[in-house]
Amino acid sequence: MKLETLKALIKQYGNITFLELQERLTGGLYE
C-alpha cells in the first residue's frame, strides 16, 4: 500500500491508531 493511501486512511479514520488500522488490514488479508 502506498504511503499516500495510508495517510488518507489515517485522515479519514483519525479515531483509530495506525497499529489498529494495520492490524485490521492484515487481518482482512489472512481471514
Protein backbone atom coordinates (compact mmCIF):
# COMPACT_ATOMS: atom_id res chain seq x y z
CA MET A 1 0.00 0.00 0.00
CA LYS A 2 1.22 3.46 -0.85
CA LEU A 3 2.09 5.87 1.93
CA GLU A 4 -0.26 8.47 0.44
CA THR A 5 -3.11 5.98 0.73
CA LEU A 6 -2.22 5.27 4.34
CA LYS A 7 -2.14 8.97 5.12
CA ALA A 8 -5.56 9.39 3.52
CA LEU A 9 -6.93 6.49 5.55
CA ILE A 10 -5.48 7.89 8.75
CA LYS A 11 -7.11 11.23 7.99
CA GLN A 12 -10.42 9.53 7.24
CA TYR A 13 -10.25 7.25 10.28
CA GLY A 14 -8.42 9.59 12.63
CA ASN A 15 -10.05 7.98 15.66
CA ILE A 16 -8.15 4.71 15.23
CA THR A 17 -4.41 4.34 15.56
CA PHE A 18 -2.06 3.27 12.78
CA LEU A 19 -1.44 -0.05 14.52
CA GLU A 20 -5.16 -0.77 14.73
CA LEU A 21 -5.53 0.09 11.05
CA GLN A 22 -2.59 -2.12 10.13
CA GLU A 23 -4.00 -4.94 12.25
CA ARG A 24 -7.38 -4.70 10.52
CA LEU A 25 -5.80 -4.64 7.06
CA THR A 26 -3.58 -7.61 7.88
CA GLY A 27 -6.45 -9.48 9.49
CA GLY A 28 -8.58 -8.86 6.43
CA LEU A 29 -5.89 -10.32 4.20
CA TYR A 30 -5.46 -13.50 6.21
CA GLU A 31 -9.04 -14.18 7.30
